[in-house]
Amino acid sequence: MDPKGKVAVLTGGARIGQVVAHFLALHGCNLALIYRGSRDAAEASAQAATREGVRAITIRADATDEDQIVRAVQETHRELGGIHILLNMASIYLSTPEPKKADWSNIIDTNTRGAFLFSIHSAQIMKMAESGGRIVNFADWLPASGRPRYKGFVPYYTSKAAVVALTQSLALEMAPEVLVNAVAPGPILMPPGLSPAENDEVIDATPLRRWGGAAEIAKTVLFLVESDFVSGECIRVDGGRHLY
């Protein structure tokens, strides 16, 4: 699919999402930027996109609320004339050494159920377009590799493993009109407050010996958008870290 002139919905557009949005705008893609709390990031991305000559709107919607998701999808269709691409980037990354029911529900609903709901409602519109659609979900390099490795992340790990399964299932269900894939980031952006020793530990455990940078995710997303014969895949973008 050529992204030029198409409409992409991005959920969770802070940090990496801003770079992905910019890449799509540079390729002529109109944008609907869905946010729950990161309004400033969404509006900054929209302004940057309009400077590239594409249309961009921002919509506030909670990825755990189906009614808000339906309204966001409908507003995108009404304002931009369709939906061709969906990037399910909304995510909660949270350590929960002693997870409670609320932690479980919040993380699973945001990371997995939200991706499912945005996908099924967007796909109805995608299937009306001659070009069909592309859905790109966001998993994580650890569950994509089948290795939990770090303690204290049971709800998060489970949610992202479910995203991989969701991707495969939706790819089968939605074919041939909609191609569904996932990206599984590894060490992409250094977290705030990371100590030099912790940074060295990450570098030493990554064969390519560096942090990847958000542009690597954007390039992978663009590949999956442009590809016409890849579906049901989960691509690790982790500098080879899964090999250790």
Protein backbone atom coordinates (compact mmCIF):
# COMPACT_ATOMS: atom_id res chain seq x y z
CA MET A 1 0.00 0.00 0.00
CA ASP A 2 1.23 3.44 -0.89
CA PRO A 3 0.59 5.62 2.19
CA LYS A 4 0.28 8.79 0.11
CA GLY A 5 -3.23 10.15 0.38
CA LYS A 6 -4.29 7.45 2.83
CA VAL A 7 -5.62 7.96 6.37
CA ALA A 8 -3.81 6.54 9.38
CA VAL A 9 -5.11 6.29 12.94
CA LEU A 10 -2.40 6.32 15.62
CA THR A 11 -3.15 5.58 19.25
CA GLY A 12 -0.65 6.47 21.96
CA GLY A 13 1.32 9.02 19.99
CA ALA A 14 3.93 10.19 22.51
CA ARG A 15 7.70 9.72 22.09
CA ILE A 16 8.07 6.94 19.50
CA GLY A 17 4.58 7.69 18.21
CA GLN A 18 5.60 11.22 17.31
CA VAL A 19 8.43 9.95 15.13
CA VAL A 20 6.18 7.37 13.47
CA ALA A 21 3.57 10.07 12.78
CA HIS A 22 6.22 12.29 11.22
CA PHE A 23 7.44 9.47 8.95
CA LEU A 24 3.92 8.82 7.70
CA ALA A 25 3.29 12.52 7.14
CA LEU A 26 6.50 12.76 5.10
CA HIS A 27 5.06 10.00 2.90
CA GLY A 28 1.84 11.94 2.34
CA CYS A 29 -0.37 10.14 4.87
CA ASN A 30 -3.19 11.99 6.64
CA LEU A 31 -3.35 11.39 10.37
CA ALA A 32 -5.85 10.95 13.17
CA LEU A 33 -3.91 11.13 16.43
CA ILE A 34 -5.75 9.50 19.32
CA TYR A 35 -4.66 10.39 22.83
CA ARG A 36 -5.85 9.86 26.38
CA GLY A 37 -3.41 11.95 28.42
CA SER A 38 -0.69 13.08 25.99
CA ARG A 39 -2.59 15.94 24.41
CA ASP A 40 0.47 18.14 23.93
CA ALA A 41 2.33 15.40 22.06
CA ALA A 42 -0.66 14.70 19.82
CA GLU A 43 -1.16 18.36 18.97
CA ALA A 44 2.56 18.84 18.29
CA SER A 45 2.48 15.87 15.90
CA ALA A 46 -0.61 17.24 14.18
CA GLN A 47 1.01 20.64 13.69
CA ALA A 48 4.18 19.04 12.32
CA ALA A 49 2.11 16.92 9.93
CA THR A 50 0.18 19.90 8.56
CA ARG A 51 3.48 21.62 7.82
CA GLU A 52 4.25 18.66 5.55
CA GLY A 53 1.06 19.36 3.60
CA VAL A 54 -1.18 16.58 4.96
CA ARG A 55 -4.33 16.73 7.05
CA ALA A 56 -4.16 15.87 10.74
CA ILE A 57 -6.68 15.84 13.56
CA THR A 58 -6.43 15.02 17.25
CA ILE A 59 -9.11 13.09 19.14
CA ARG A 60 -9.27 12.31 22.83
CA ALA A 61 -10.35 8.72 23.50
CA ASP A 62 -9.72 6.17 26.22
CA ALA A 63 -8.52 2.88 24.72
CA THR A 64 -10.35 0.99 27.46
CA ASP A 65 -13.76 2.49 26.60
CA GLU A 66 -15.49 0.96 23.58
CA ASP A 67 -17.95 3.84 23.18
CA GLN A 68 -15.09 6.34 22.99
CA ILE A 69 -13.25 4.11 20.53
CA VAL A 70 -16.31 3.90 18.26
CA ARG A 71 -16.71 7.69 18.37
CA ALA A 72 -13.03 8.21 17.52
CA VAL A 73 -13.24 5.83 14.56
CA GLN A 74 -16.42 7.46 13.30
CA GLU A 75 -15.00 10.97 13.70
CA THR A 76 -11.89 9.98 11.76
CA HIS A 77 -14.02 8.55 8.96
CA ARG A 78 -16.20 11.64 8.87
CA GLU A 79 -13.40 14.23 9.04
CA LEU A 80 -10.73 12.55 6.89
CA GLY A 81 -12.85 10.43 4.57
CA GLY A 82 -11.80 6.92 5.55
CA ILE A 83 -9.36 4.75 7.46
CA HIS A 84 -6.66 2.74 5.70
CA ILE A 85 -4.00 2.27 8.39
CA LEU A 86 -4.29 1.64 12.14
CA LEU A 87 -1.32 1.74 14.49
CA ASN A 88 -2.20 0.41 17.93
CA MET A 89 0.56 2.05 19.95
CA ALA A 90 -1.37 2.92 23.13
CA SER A 91 0.33 1.04 25.93
CA ILE A 92 0.96 0.92 29.67
CA TYR A 93 4.41 -0.26 30.77
CA LEU A 94 4.25 -0.73 34.51
CA SER A 95 6.11 -2.81 37.06
CA THR A 96 3.64 -4.62 39.33
CA PRO A 97 5.59 -6.85 41.76
CA GLU A 98 2.34 -7.58 43.61
CA PRO A 99 -0.33 -6.98 40.99
CA LYS A 100 -3.86 -6.22 42.07
CA LYS A 101 -7.06 -6.74 40.15
CA ALA A 102 -7.06 -3.07 39.13
CA ASP A 103 -3.51 -3.35 37.75
CA TRP A 104 -4.44 -6.43 35.75
CA SER A 105 -7.60 -4.89 34.30
CA ASN A 106 -6.01 -1.56 33.44
CA ILE A 107 -2.96 -3.02 31.69
CA ILE A 108 -4.78 -5.81 29.86
CA ASP A 109 -7.60 -3.49 28.78
CA THR A 110 -5.25 -0.80 27.48
CA ASN A 111 -2.60 -2.96 25.84
CA THR A 112 -4.73 -5.78 24.44
CA ARG A 113 -8.45 -5.13 24.57
CA GLY A 114 -7.97 -1.59 23.23
CA ALA A 115 -6.01 -2.91 20.26
CA PHE A 116 -8.73 -5.46 19.59
CA LEU A 117 -11.54 -2.90 19.73
CA PHE A 118 -9.77 -0.31 17.59
CA SER A 119 -8.98 -3.05 15.07
CA ILE A 120 -12.45 -4.50 14.67
CA HIS A 121 -14.15 -1.11 14.39
CA SER A 122 -11.53 0.34 12.02
CA ALA A 123 -11.51 -2.78 9.84
CA GLN A 124 -15.16 -2.26 8.97
CA ILE A 125 -14.17 1.00 7.29
CA MET A 126 -10.93 -0.37 5.81
CA LYS A 127 -12.83 -3.12 4.00
CA MET A 128 -14.87 -0.54 2.13
CA ALA A 129 -11.74 0.88 0.48
CA GLU A 130 -10.40 -0.62 -2.73
CA SER A 131 -6.90 -0.69 -1.21
CA GLY A 132 -8.04 -2.54 1.91
CA GLY A 133 -6.19 -1.82 5.12
CA ARG A 134 -3.14 -2.31 7.30
CA ILE A 135 -3.12 -2.82 11.05
CA VAL A 136 0.13 -2.69 12.99
CA ASN A 137 0.02 -3.65 16.65
CA PHE A 138 2.75 -3.08 19.21
CA ALA A 139 4.05 -6.01 21.23
CA ASP A 140 7.39 -6.31 23.03
CA TRP A 141 10.61 -8.16 22.25
CA LEU A 142 10.35 -10.36 25.37
CA PRO A 143 6.94 -12.00 24.80
CA ALA A 144 7.68 -12.08 21.08
CA SER A 145 10.70 -14.20 22.03
CA GLY A 146 8.76 -16.33 24.53
CA ARG A 147 10.87 -15.32 27.51
CA PRO A 148 9.58 -13.28 30.47
CA ARG A 149 13.11 -12.69 31.86
CA TYR A 150 12.22 -9.83 34.26
CA LYS A 151 10.18 -10.33 37.43
CA GLY A 152 7.40 -7.97 38.42
CA PHE A 153 5.74 -7.55 35.01
CA VAL A 154 3.10 -10.28 34.95
CA PRO A 155 0.16 -8.18 33.63
CA TYR A 156 2.38 -6.30 31.16
CA TYR A 157 4.09 -9.40 29.80
CA THR A 158 0.77 -11.24 29.52
CA SER A 159 -0.83 -8.31 27.72
CA LYS A 160 1.93 -8.11 25.13
CA ALA A 161 2.00 -11.88 24.59
CA ALA A 162 -1.72 -11.57 23.94
CA VAL A 163 -1.02 -8.84 21.38
CA VAL A 164 1.10 -11.31 19.40
CA ALA A 165 -1.73 -13.87 19.50
CA LEU A 166 -4.25 -11.16 18.61
CA THR A 167 -2.15 -10.16 15.61
CA GLN A 168 -2.02 -13.69 14.27
CA SER A 169 -5.72 -14.31 14.86
CA LEU A 170 -6.86 -11.05 13.28
CA ALA A 171 -4.56 -11.61 10.29
CA LEU A 172 -6.41 -14.84 9.60
CA GLU A 173 -9.86 -13.42 10.27
CA MET A 174 -9.45 -10.22 8.25
CA ALA A 175 -7.65 -11.58 5.19
CA PRO A 176 -7.50 -10.81 2.37
CA GLU A 177 -8.73 -7.20 2.69
CA VAL A 178 -6.76 -6.24 5.80
CA LEU A 179 -3.15 -7.19 6.58
CA VAL A 180 -2.35 -7.38 10.30
CA ASN A 181 1.16 -7.40 11.74
CA ALA A 182 3.01 -6.36 14.88
CA VAL A 183 6.22 -4.64 15.88
CA ALA A 184 8.07 -5.81 19.00
CA PRO A 185 10.47 -3.09 20.16
CA GLY A 186 13.53 -3.84 22.25
CA PRO A 187 16.04 -1.23 23.46
CA ILE A 188 14.82 1.73 21.42
CA LEU A 189 14.82 4.81 23.67
CA MET A 190 16.76 5.07 26.90
CA PRO A 191 14.29 5.39 29.79
CA PRO A 192 14.55 8.57 31.89
CA GLY A 193 16.66 8.11 34.99
CA LEU A 194 18.60 5.11 33.74
CA SER A 195 21.94 4.90 35.54
CA PRO A 196 25.25 4.55 33.65
CA ALA A 197 25.61 1.02 35.03
CA GLU A 198 22.12 0.07 33.87
CA ASN A 199 22.82 1.58 30.47
CA ASP A 200 26.04 -0.44 30.17
CA GLU A 201 24.08 -3.58 31.04
CA VAL A 202 21.64 -2.94 28.18
CA ILE A 203 24.43 -2.21 25.70
CA ASP A 204 26.36 -5.31 26.72
CA ALA A 205 23.25 -7.46 26.22
CA THR A 206 22.51 -6.04 22.77
CA PRO A 207 24.59 -7.47 19.90
CA LEU A 208 24.45 -4.21 17.94
CA ARG A 209 25.80 -2.39 21.02
CA ARG A 210 23.49 0.64 21.01
CA TRP A 211 19.97 1.89 21.54
CA GLY A 212 17.99 1.69 18.33
CA GLY A 213 16.24 5.06 18.22
CA ALA A 214 12.61 5.73 17.34
CA ALA A 215 13.35 6.00 13.62
CA GLU A 216 13.99 2.24 13.53
CA ILE A 217 10.41 1.63 14.67
CA ALA A 218 9.08 4.13 12.13
CA LYS A 219 10.97 2.41 9.29
CA THR A 220 9.57 -0.97 10.34
CA VAL A 221 6.03 0.40 10.49
CA LEU A 222 6.45 1.91 7.04
CA PHE A 223 7.65 -1.44 5.68
CA LEU A 224 4.57 -3.19 7.05
CA VAL A 225 2.29 -0.50 5.65
CA GLU A 226 3.85 -0.67 2.20
CA SER A 227 4.09 -4.46 2.03
CA ASP A 228 1.34 -6.31 0.18
CA PHE A 229 2.27 -9.87 1.14
CA VAL A 230 3.20 -9.90 4.81
CA SER A 231 0.49 -10.66 7.36
CA GLY A 232 0.40 -12.31 10.78
CA GLU A 233 4.02 -11.46 11.53
CA CYS A 234 5.60 -9.96 14.64
CA ILE A 235 8.90 -8.26 13.84
CA ARG A 236 11.38 -7.78 16.66
CA VAL A 237 13.26 -4.49 16.44
CA ASP A 238 15.72 -5.13 19.24
CA GLY A 239 19.24 -4.96 17.83
CA GLY A 240 19.51 -8.75 18.16
CA ARG A 241 18.96 -8.70 21.91
CA HIS A 242 16.73 -11.76 21.76
CA LEU A 243 19.78 -13.79 20.69
CA TYR A 244 21.37 -13.54 24.15
